[in-house]
Amino acid sequence: MHRSALPDGMYECQTRSKKWRQMDKIYGSYFDLDRYYEELIANILKRIIMTNLQNTNDNYSITKYIIEL
């Protein structure tokens, strides 16, 4: 899509404050690492939970497992 299609549209970086953009230049890689780590952990936890739920047949055990997390 071209910019002319949305004349009032803005890039994501344009909506941030000047201070935030300066911080992002300095610490941006740290923020990216946190996001990638969260995605990785989320995928691992999802895989673990799904494996445990497939091995469990009764609903009481599934509920108990989820509450323990």
Protein backbone atom coordinates (compact mmCIF):
# COMPACT_ATOMS: atom_id res chain seq x y z
CA MET A 1 0.00 0.00 0.00
CA HIS A 2 1.33 3.41 -0.88
CA ARG A 3 1.35 6.43 1.46
CA SER A 4 -0.97 8.33 -0.86
CA ALA A 5 -3.73 5.79 -0.15
CA LEU A 6 -3.85 6.95 3.49
CA PRO A 7 -3.00 10.65 3.58
CA ASP A 8 -3.50 10.87 7.36
CA GLY A 9 -1.63 7.64 8.02
CA MET A 10 1.59 7.62 10.02
CA TYR A 11 4.46 5.23 10.52
CA GLU A 12 4.73 3.66 13.96
CA CYS A 13 7.89 5.60 14.81
CA GLN A 14 6.14 8.89 13.99
CA THR A 15 3.57 8.35 16.71
CA ARG A 16 6.21 8.06 19.44
CA SER A 17 7.61 10.99 21.38
CA LYS A 18 11.07 12.40 20.69
CA LYS A 19 12.37 11.10 24.04
CA TRP A 20 11.03 7.62 23.31
CA ARG A 21 12.75 7.58 19.91
CA GLN A 22 16.04 8.61 21.52
CA MET A 23 15.69 5.86 24.12
CA ASP A 24 14.82 3.40 21.38
CA LYS A 25 18.03 4.27 19.51
CA ILE A 26 20.09 3.64 22.64
CA TYR A 27 18.23 0.74 24.27
CA GLY A 28 16.26 -0.63 21.32
CA SER A 29 18.16 -3.89 21.13
CA TYR A 30 17.37 -4.61 24.80
CA PHE A 31 13.66 -4.08 24.14
CA ASP A 32 13.85 -6.39 21.13
CA LEU A 33 15.59 -9.08 23.18
CA ASP A 34 12.82 -8.93 25.77
CA ARG A 35 10.15 -9.29 23.09
CA TYR A 36 11.94 -12.25 21.47
CA TYR A 37 12.46 -13.89 24.86
CA GLU A 38 8.77 -13.51 25.71
CA GLU A 39 7.79 -15.05 22.37
CA LEU A 40 10.16 -17.95 22.92
CA ILE A 41 8.95 -18.62 26.46
CA ALA A 42 5.31 -18.35 25.35
CA ASN A 43 5.87 -20.99 22.66
CA ILE A 44 7.68 -23.32 25.06
CA LEU A 45 5.00 -22.96 27.75
CA LYS A 46 2.26 -23.53 25.20
CA ARG A 47 3.94 -26.72 24.05
CA ILE A 48 4.39 -27.96 27.64
CA ILE A 49 0.80 -27.17 28.61
CA MET A 50 -0.65 -28.81 25.49
CA THR A 51 1.43 -31.94 26.07
CA ASN A 52 0.28 -32.18 29.69
CA LEU A 53 -3.34 -31.56 28.76
CA GLN A 54 -3.25 -34.26 26.10
CA ASN A 55 -1.89 -36.71 28.65
CA THR A 56 -4.67 -35.84 31.11
CA ASN A 57 -8.12 -37.30 30.55
CA ASP A 58 -10.29 -35.79 33.29
CA ASN A 59 -11.36 -32.14 33.51
CA TYR A 60 -10.54 -31.83 37.21
CA SER A 61 -6.84 -32.49 36.58
CA ILE A 62 -6.76 -29.99 33.69
CA THR A 63 -8.30 -27.25 35.85
CA LYS A 64 -5.96 -28.06 38.74
CA TYR A 65 -2.94 -27.93 36.41
CA ILE A 66 -3.93 -24.56 34.96
CA ILE A 67 -4.50 -23.05 38.42
CA GLU A 68 -1.08 -24.25 39.59
CA LEU A 69 0.59 -22.34 36.76
